[in-house]
Amino acid sequence: MQSPLDAGAATMGVFIDLDVVDKHYAVAKAACADIVDSPKTVEYGGTYSAVDPKGHPWFFTEPKAG
């Protein structure tokens, strides 16, 4: 198996559901995470994404209220 950095493309993604995306984003940003997309609201709720040091994409989401 290869990391995304070695393969030249993402080989998988990690999806995490959260209660509050903005709070998680603030902690990740303060820890100097490699943020790909800042928090935004989409049809299914709030979301942002980052990559880890090996290049794996991480997607953090907060379900839409209601």
N, C-alpha and C. Protein backbone atom coordinates (compact mmCIF):
# COMPACT_ATOMS: atom_id res chain seq x y z
N MET A 1 0.85 -1.18 0.00
CA MET A 1 0.00 0.00 0.00
C MET A 1 0.89 1.24 0.00
N GLN A 2 0.36 2.30 -0.60
CA GLN A 2 1.09 3.55 -0.69
C GLN A 2 0.27 4.68 -0.06
N SER A 3 0.98 5.67 0.45
CA SER A 3 0.29 6.86 0.93
C SER A 3 -0.12 7.69 -0.29
N PRO A 4 -1.04 8.62 -0.12
CA PRO A 4 -1.42 9.48 -1.24
C PRO A 4 -0.22 10.25 -1.80
N LEU A 5 0.70 10.62 -0.92
CA LEU A 5 1.88 11.34 -1.40
C LEU A 5 2.71 10.46 -2.34
N ASP A 6 2.84 9.18 -2.01
CA ASP A 6 3.60 8.26 -2.85
C ASP A 6 2.83 7.89 -4.12
N ALA A 7 1.51 7.72 -3.99
CA ALA A 7 0.68 7.30 -5.12
C ALA A 7 0.36 8.45 -6.08
N GLY A 8 0.46 9.67 -5.59
CA GLY A 8 0.12 10.82 -6.42
C GLY A 8 -1.37 11.11 -6.47
N ALA A 9 -2.15 10.44 -5.63
CA ALA A 9 -3.60 10.64 -5.56
C ALA A 9 -4.11 10.09 -4.24
N ALA A 10 -5.24 10.60 -3.78
CA ALA A 10 -5.83 10.08 -2.55
C ALA A 10 -6.29 8.65 -2.76
N THR A 11 -5.99 7.80 -1.82
CA THR A 11 -6.37 6.39 -1.90
C THR A 11 -7.57 6.07 -1.02
N MET A 12 -7.96 7.02 -0.18
CA MET A 12 -9.12 6.88 0.71
C MET A 12 -9.40 8.23 1.34
N GLY A 13 -10.52 8.36 1.99
CA GLY A 13 -10.86 9.57 2.73
C GLY A 13 -11.50 9.19 4.04
N VAL A 14 -11.34 10.04 5.03
CA VAL A 14 -11.92 9.80 6.35
C VAL A 14 -13.03 10.82 6.55
N PHE A 15 -14.22 10.33 6.92
CA PHE A 15 -15.38 11.19 7.13
C PHE A 15 -15.78 11.14 8.60
N ILE A 16 -15.84 12.32 9.23
CA ILE A 16 -16.16 12.42 10.66
C ILE A 16 -17.38 13.31 10.83
N ASP A 17 -18.41 12.81 11.53
CA ASP A 17 -19.58 13.61 11.88
C ASP A 17 -19.33 14.27 13.23
N LEU A 18 -19.63 15.57 13.31
CA LEU A 18 -19.40 16.35 14.53
C LEU A 18 -20.68 17.03 14.98
N ASP A 19 -20.69 17.44 16.24
CA ASP A 19 -21.80 18.24 16.73
C ASP A 19 -21.67 19.69 16.29
N VAL A 20 -20.43 20.23 16.30
CA VAL A 20 -20.20 21.63 15.95
C VAL A 20 -18.94 21.75 15.10
N VAL A 21 -19.11 21.92 13.80
CA VAL A 21 -17.97 22.01 12.87
C VAL A 21 -17.08 23.20 13.18
N ASP A 22 -17.67 24.37 13.43
CA ASP A 22 -16.87 25.58 13.63
C ASP A 22 -15.93 25.45 14.84
N LYS A 23 -16.40 24.84 15.89
CA LYS A 23 -15.58 24.64 17.08
C LYS A 23 -14.40 23.71 16.77
N HIS A 24 -14.66 22.62 16.06
CA HIS A 24 -13.60 21.69 15.68
C HIS A 24 -12.59 22.36 14.76
N TYR A 25 -13.09 23.13 13.80
CA TYR A 25 -12.23 23.85 12.87
C TYR A 25 -11.29 24.80 13.62
N ALA A 26 -11.81 25.52 14.59
CA ALA A 26 -10.99 26.47 15.35
C ALA A 26 -9.83 25.75 16.06
N VAL A 27 -10.11 24.60 16.62
CA VAL A 27 -9.06 23.82 17.29
C VAL A 27 -8.05 23.31 16.27
N ALA A 28 -8.54 22.78 15.15
CA ALA A 28 -7.64 22.27 14.11
C ALA A 28 -6.76 23.38 13.54
N LYS A 29 -7.33 24.54 13.29
CA LYS A 29 -6.57 25.66 12.75
C LYS A 29 -5.52 26.13 13.74
N ALA A 30 -5.88 26.21 15.02
CA ALA A 30 -4.93 26.62 16.06
C ALA A 30 -3.77 25.64 16.18
N ALA A 31 -4.03 24.37 15.83
CA ALA A 31 -2.99 23.34 15.88
C ALA A 31 -2.20 23.27 14.57
N CYS A 32 -2.44 24.24 13.68
CA CYS A 32 -1.74 24.32 12.38
C CYS A 32 -2.06 23.16 11.45
N ALA A 33 -3.29 22.67 11.50
CA ALA A 33 -3.72 21.62 10.57
C ALA A 33 -3.64 22.15 9.15
N ASP A 34 -3.45 21.26 8.20
CA ASP A 34 -3.40 21.62 6.78
C ASP A 34 -4.83 21.65 6.26
N ILE A 35 -5.47 22.81 6.39
CA ILE A 35 -6.87 22.98 6.00
C ILE A 35 -6.97 23.12 4.48
N VAL A 36 -7.85 22.34 3.88
CA VAL A 36 -8.07 22.40 2.43
C VAL A 36 -9.24 23.33 2.11
N ASP A 37 -10.36 23.15 2.80
CA ASP A 37 -11.55 23.99 2.63
C ASP A 37 -12.01 24.47 3.99
N SER A 38 -12.16 25.78 4.14
CA SER A 38 -12.68 26.36 5.38
C SER A 38 -14.14 25.98 5.55
N PRO A 39 -14.66 26.14 6.78
CA PRO A 39 -16.06 25.77 7.01
C PRO A 39 -17.01 26.52 6.08
N LYS A 40 -17.99 25.78 5.62
CA LYS A 40 -19.04 26.35 4.78
C LYS A 40 -20.32 25.57 5.01
N THR A 41 -21.43 26.19 4.65
CA THR A 41 -22.73 25.54 4.76
C THR A 41 -23.10 25.00 3.38
N VAL A 42 -23.45 23.73 3.37
CA VAL A 42 -23.90 23.06 2.14
C VAL A 42 -25.27 22.45 2.41
N GLU A 43 -25.85 21.80 1.42
CA GLU A 43 -27.23 21.29 1.57
C GLU A 43 -27.41 20.30 2.72
N TYR A 44 -26.37 19.60 3.13
CA TYR A 44 -26.51 18.62 4.21
C TYR A 44 -26.02 19.13 5.56
N GLY A 45 -25.54 20.38 5.63
CA GLY A 45 -25.10 20.95 6.90
C GLY A 45 -23.82 21.73 6.75
N GLY A 46 -23.01 21.73 7.81
CA GLY A 46 -21.73 22.43 7.79
C GLY A 46 -20.61 21.45 7.50
N THR A 47 -19.53 21.95 6.87
CA THR A 47 -18.43 21.06 6.53
C THR A 47 -17.12 21.82 6.36
N TYR A 48 -16.01 21.13 6.58
CA TYR A 48 -14.69 21.62 6.19
C TYR A 48 -13.82 20.40 5.97
N SER A 49 -12.67 20.60 5.32
CA SER A 49 -11.78 19.46 5.07
C SER A 49 -10.33 19.84 5.29
N ALA A 50 -9.53 18.81 5.54
CA ALA A 50 -8.10 18.97 5.80
C ALA A 50 -7.38 17.73 5.28
N VAL A 51 -6.07 17.79 5.23
CA VAL A 51 -5.28 16.61 4.88
C VAL A 51 -4.27 16.36 5.99
N ASP A 52 -3.96 15.08 6.22
CA ASP A 52 -2.98 14.74 7.24
C ASP A 52 -1.58 14.75 6.63
N PRO A 53 -0.54 14.58 7.43
CA PRO A 53 0.83 14.66 6.92
C PRO A 53 1.16 13.65 5.80
N LYS A 54 0.42 12.57 5.71
CA LYS A 54 0.65 11.58 4.65
C LYS A 54 -0.18 11.87 3.41
N GLY A 55 -1.04 12.91 3.46
CA GLY A 55 -1.84 13.29 2.31
C GLY A 55 -3.25 12.74 2.27
N HIS A 56 -3.68 12.02 3.33
CA HIS A 56 -5.05 11.50 3.36
C HIS A 56 -6.03 12.63 3.62
N PRO A 57 -7.10 12.72 2.83
CA PRO A 57 -8.11 13.76 3.07
C PRO A 57 -9.04 13.38 4.23
N TRP A 58 -9.37 14.38 5.02
CA TRP A 58 -10.30 14.24 6.14
C TRP A 58 -11.44 15.22 5.91
N PHE A 59 -12.68 14.75 6.07
CA PHE A 59 -13.87 15.57 5.87
C PHE A 59 -14.66 15.60 7.18
N PHE A 60 -14.90 16.78 7.68
CA PHE A 60 -15.62 16.97 8.95
C PHE A 60 -16.95 17.61 8.65
N THR A 61 -18.03 17.01 9.14
CA THR A 61 -19.37 17.51 8.84
C THR A 61 -20.24 17.63 10.08
N GLU A 62 -21.15 18.58 10.03
CA GLU A 62 -22.16 18.78 11.07
C GLU A 62 -23.51 18.67 10.38
N PRO A 63 -24.34 17.71 10.77
CA PRO A 63 -25.64 17.55 10.11
C PRO A 63 -26.49 18.81 10.19
N LYS A 64 -27.26 19.04 9.17
CA LYS A 64 -28.17 20.17 9.11
C LYS A 64 -29.21 20.05 10.22
N ALA A 65 -29.47 21.16 10.89
CA ALA A 65 -30.47 21.16 11.96
C ALA A 65 -31.86 20.91 11.38
N GLY A 66 -32.65 20.20 12.17
CA GLY A 66 -34.03 20.03 11.76
C GLY A 66 -34.32 18.70 11.36
